[in-house]
Amino acid sequence: MQIAYAWRIQTKDGNSIIWHSGGTGGYRTYMGFDPKTRTGVVVLSNLGSDTGDNDIGRHLLDASYPLEKIEPVK
């Protein structure tokens, strides 16, 4: 993984995803872009999970990234 102006560049099997995520006050965001397919995705969440929004965003851009199983909020 590389970092460019706080954007992360994640490469898997020769394909790159440029992304950034963050959160505050129980909300999370993920924005990613696949320059090869020119596809972008934005995920907005009102669940303060460290994995959910990033996993969903990466999976939407490249289905080879698995979705993490998280427990429902009680």
N, C-alpha and C. Protein backbone atom coordinates (compact mmCIF):
# COMPACT_ATOMS: atom_id res chain seq x y z
N MET A 1 0.85 -1.17 0.00
CA MET A 1 0.00 0.00 0.00
C MET A 1 0.90 1.23 0.00
N GLN A 2 0.47 2.27 -0.76
CA GLN A 2 1.16 3.55 -0.81
C GLN A 2 0.21 4.64 -0.35
N ILE A 3 0.74 5.80 -0.01
CA ILE A 3 -0.09 6.94 0.37
C ILE A 3 0.31 8.13 -0.49
N ALA A 4 -0.69 8.84 -1.05
CA ALA A 4 -0.45 10.00 -1.90
C ALA A 4 -1.41 11.11 -1.49
N TYR A 5 -0.89 12.16 -0.85
CA TYR A 5 -1.73 13.26 -0.36
C TYR A 5 -2.89 12.73 0.48
N ALA A 6 -2.59 11.80 1.37
CA ALA A 6 -3.54 11.17 2.29
C ALA A 6 -4.50 10.21 1.60
N TRP A 7 -4.38 10.01 0.30
CA TRP A 7 -5.15 9.00 -0.41
C TRP A 7 -4.31 7.72 -0.43
N ARG A 8 -4.95 6.61 -0.23
CA ARG A 8 -4.25 5.33 -0.25
C ARG A 8 -4.39 4.70 -1.62
N ILE A 9 -3.34 4.05 -2.05
CA ILE A 9 -3.35 3.34 -3.33
C ILE A 9 -3.13 1.87 -3.01
N GLN A 10 -4.15 1.07 -3.19
CA GLN A 10 -4.09 -0.34 -2.84
C GLN A 10 -4.09 -1.15 -4.13
N THR A 11 -3.09 -2.02 -4.28
CA THR A 11 -2.95 -2.81 -5.50
C THR A 11 -3.08 -4.29 -5.17
N LYS A 12 -3.89 -4.97 -5.96
CA LYS A 12 -4.09 -6.40 -5.80
C LYS A 12 -4.20 -7.00 -7.20
N ASP A 13 -3.38 -8.00 -7.47
CA ASP A 13 -3.38 -8.68 -8.77
C ASP A 13 -3.22 -7.69 -9.93
N GLY A 14 -2.41 -6.66 -9.74
CA GLY A 14 -2.14 -5.69 -10.80
C GLY A 14 -3.19 -4.62 -10.97
N ASN A 15 -4.26 -4.64 -10.18
CA ASN A 15 -5.32 -3.63 -10.26
C ASN A 15 -5.24 -2.73 -9.04
N SER A 16 -5.34 -1.43 -9.26
CA SER A 16 -5.23 -0.46 -8.16
C SER A 16 -6.57 0.18 -7.84
N ILE A 17 -6.76 0.45 -6.56
CA ILE A 17 -7.88 1.24 -6.08
C ILE A 17 -7.29 2.40 -5.30
N ILE A 18 -7.72 3.61 -5.63
CA ILE A 18 -7.30 4.81 -4.92
C ILE A 18 -8.45 5.16 -3.99
N TRP A 19 -8.16 5.27 -2.68
CA TRP A 19 -9.26 5.45 -1.75
C TRP A 19 -8.87 6.26 -0.53
N HIS A 20 -9.91 6.74 0.16
CA HIS A 20 -9.74 7.42 1.44
C HIS A 20 -11.00 7.17 2.25
N SER A 21 -10.84 7.08 3.55
CA SER A 21 -12.00 6.88 4.42
C SER A 21 -11.79 7.64 5.72
N GLY A 22 -12.85 7.77 6.47
CA GLY A 22 -12.74 8.44 7.75
C GLY A 22 -14.07 8.41 8.47
N GLY A 23 -14.08 9.01 9.64
CA GLY A 23 -15.31 9.02 10.40
C GLY A 23 -15.24 9.97 11.57
N THR A 24 -16.40 10.30 12.06
CA THR A 24 -16.51 11.14 13.25
C THR A 24 -17.91 10.97 13.83
N GLY A 25 -18.01 11.02 15.13
CA GLY A 25 -19.32 11.00 15.78
C GLY A 25 -20.20 9.81 15.43
N GLY A 26 -19.62 8.64 15.21
CA GLY A 26 -20.42 7.46 14.89
C GLY A 26 -20.75 7.29 13.42
N TYR A 27 -20.26 8.16 12.57
CA TYR A 27 -20.49 8.07 11.13
C TYR A 27 -19.19 7.68 10.44
N ARG A 28 -19.28 6.96 9.33
CA ARG A 28 -18.11 6.55 8.57
C ARG A 28 -18.34 6.84 7.09
N THR A 29 -17.23 7.11 6.38
CA THR A 29 -17.31 7.34 4.94
C THR A 29 -16.17 6.60 4.25
N TYR A 30 -16.40 6.27 3.01
CA TYR A 30 -15.38 5.66 2.15
C TYR A 30 -15.61 6.20 0.75
N MET A 31 -14.54 6.62 0.10
CA MET A 31 -14.61 7.02 -1.30
C MET A 31 -13.46 6.34 -2.01
N GLY A 32 -13.77 5.62 -3.09
CA GLY A 32 -12.75 4.91 -3.83
C GLY A 32 -12.93 5.07 -5.33
N PHE A 33 -11.83 4.86 -6.05
CA PHE A 33 -11.83 5.03 -7.50
C PHE A 33 -10.91 3.99 -8.11
N ASP A 34 -11.39 3.34 -9.15
CA ASP A 34 -10.58 2.38 -9.91
C ASP A 34 -10.20 3.08 -11.22
N PRO A 35 -8.95 3.52 -11.36
CA PRO A 35 -8.57 4.26 -12.57
C PRO A 35 -8.63 3.42 -13.85
N LYS A 36 -8.47 2.11 -13.72
CA LYS A 36 -8.50 1.25 -14.90
C LYS A 36 -9.90 1.20 -15.53
N THR A 37 -10.92 1.05 -14.68
CA THR A 37 -12.30 0.97 -15.19
C THR A 37 -13.01 2.33 -15.14
N ARG A 38 -12.33 3.33 -14.55
CA ARG A 38 -12.89 4.67 -14.38
C ARG A 38 -14.22 4.61 -13.61
N THR A 39 -14.21 3.79 -12.56
CA THR A 39 -15.39 3.60 -11.72
C THR A 39 -15.11 4.13 -10.33
N GLY A 40 -16.06 4.86 -9.78
CA GLY A 40 -15.93 5.38 -8.43
C GLY A 40 -17.10 4.98 -7.57
N VAL A 41 -16.89 4.98 -6.26
CA VAL A 41 -17.96 4.63 -5.33
C VAL A 41 -17.80 5.45 -4.06
N VAL A 42 -18.93 5.84 -3.47
CA VAL A 42 -18.95 6.53 -2.19
C VAL A 42 -19.86 5.73 -1.27
N VAL A 43 -19.37 5.41 -0.07
CA VAL A 43 -20.16 4.69 0.93
C VAL A 43 -20.30 5.59 2.15
N LEU A 44 -21.53 5.84 2.56
CA LEU A 44 -21.82 6.63 3.76
C LEU A 44 -22.53 5.73 4.76
N SER A 45 -22.09 5.76 6.00
CA SER A 45 -22.63 4.86 7.00
C SER A 45 -22.88 5.60 8.31
N ASN A 46 -23.97 5.24 8.98
CA ASN A 46 -24.22 5.79 10.31
C ASN A 46 -23.88 4.74 11.38
N LEU A 47 -23.00 3.81 11.04
CA LEU A 47 -22.52 2.80 11.97
C LEU A 47 -21.01 2.98 12.13
N GLY A 48 -20.56 3.23 13.32
CA GLY A 48 -19.15 3.51 13.56
C GLY A 48 -18.30 2.25 13.59
N SER A 49 -18.31 1.45 12.54
CA SER A 49 -17.50 0.23 12.44
C SER A 49 -16.21 0.54 11.70
N ASP A 50 -15.12 -0.06 12.12
CA ASP A 50 -13.84 0.16 11.44
C ASP A 50 -13.73 -0.61 10.14
N THR A 51 -14.59 -1.58 9.89
CA THR A 51 -14.43 -2.41 8.70
C THR A 51 -15.54 -2.24 7.68
N GLY A 52 -16.77 -2.05 8.10
CA GLY A 52 -17.91 -2.11 7.20
C GLY A 52 -17.84 -1.26 5.95
N ASP A 53 -17.63 0.05 6.11
CA ASP A 53 -17.66 0.94 4.95
C ASP A 53 -16.49 0.68 4.00
N ASN A 54 -15.30 0.44 4.54
CA ASN A 54 -14.14 0.16 3.68
C ASN A 54 -14.33 -1.14 2.91
N ASP A 55 -14.80 -2.18 3.59
CA ASP A 55 -15.00 -3.46 2.93
C ASP A 55 -16.05 -3.37 1.82
N ILE A 56 -17.14 -2.69 2.11
CA ILE A 56 -18.20 -2.55 1.12
C ILE A 56 -17.68 -1.77 -0.10
N GLY A 57 -16.98 -0.67 0.14
CA GLY A 57 -16.45 0.12 -0.97
C GLY A 57 -15.48 -0.65 -1.83
N ARG A 58 -14.50 -1.33 -1.20
CA ARG A 58 -13.54 -2.12 -1.98
C ARG A 58 -14.24 -3.23 -2.76
N HIS A 59 -15.18 -3.90 -2.11
CA HIS A 59 -15.89 -5.00 -2.77
C HIS A 59 -16.72 -4.51 -3.96
N LEU A 60 -17.31 -3.33 -3.85
CA LEU A 60 -18.07 -2.78 -4.98
C LEU A 60 -17.16 -2.46 -6.16
N LEU A 61 -15.93 -2.03 -5.88
CA LEU A 61 -14.99 -1.72 -6.95
C LEU A 61 -14.32 -2.96 -7.52
N ASP A 62 -14.12 -3.97 -6.68
CA ASP A 62 -13.43 -5.19 -7.11
C ASP A 62 -13.95 -6.34 -6.26
N ALA A 63 -14.77 -7.19 -6.86
CA ALA A 63 -15.43 -8.27 -6.12
C ALA A 63 -14.45 -9.30 -5.54
N SER A 64 -13.18 -9.25 -5.93
CA SER A 64 -12.22 -10.19 -5.35
C SER A 64 -11.86 -9.82 -3.91
N TYR A 65 -12.20 -8.60 -3.47
CA TYR A 65 -12.03 -8.22 -2.07
C TYR A 65 -13.22 -8.77 -1.29
N PRO A 66 -12.98 -9.61 -0.30
CA PRO A 66 -14.10 -10.21 0.44
C PRO A 66 -14.75 -9.21 1.39
N LEU A 67 -16.00 -9.46 1.70
CA LEU A 67 -16.70 -8.67 2.71
C LEU A 67 -16.44 -9.30 4.08
N GLU A 68 -16.08 -8.49 5.05
CA GLU A 68 -15.87 -8.99 6.41
C GLU A 68 -17.22 -9.25 7.05
N LYS A 69 -17.27 -10.30 7.83
CA LYS A 69 -18.50 -10.59 8.55
C LYS A 69 -18.46 -9.83 9.87
N ILE A 70 -19.43 -8.96 10.08
CA ILE A 70 -19.50 -8.22 11.33
C ILE A 70 -20.80 -8.58 12.04
N GLU A 71 -20.77 -8.50 13.33
CA GLU A 71 -21.95 -8.81 14.13
C GLU A 71 -22.94 -7.65 14.07
N PRO A 72 -24.24 -7.96 14.04
CA PRO A 72 -25.24 -6.88 14.05
C PRO A 72 -25.15 -6.07 15.35
N VAL A 73 -25.53 -4.82 15.25
CA VAL A 73 -25.55 -3.94 16.42
C VAL A 73 -26.70 -4.37 17.33
N LYS A 74 -26.42 -4.48 18.62
CA LYS A 74 -27.46 -4.89 19.56
C LYS A 74 -28.06 -3.68 20.25
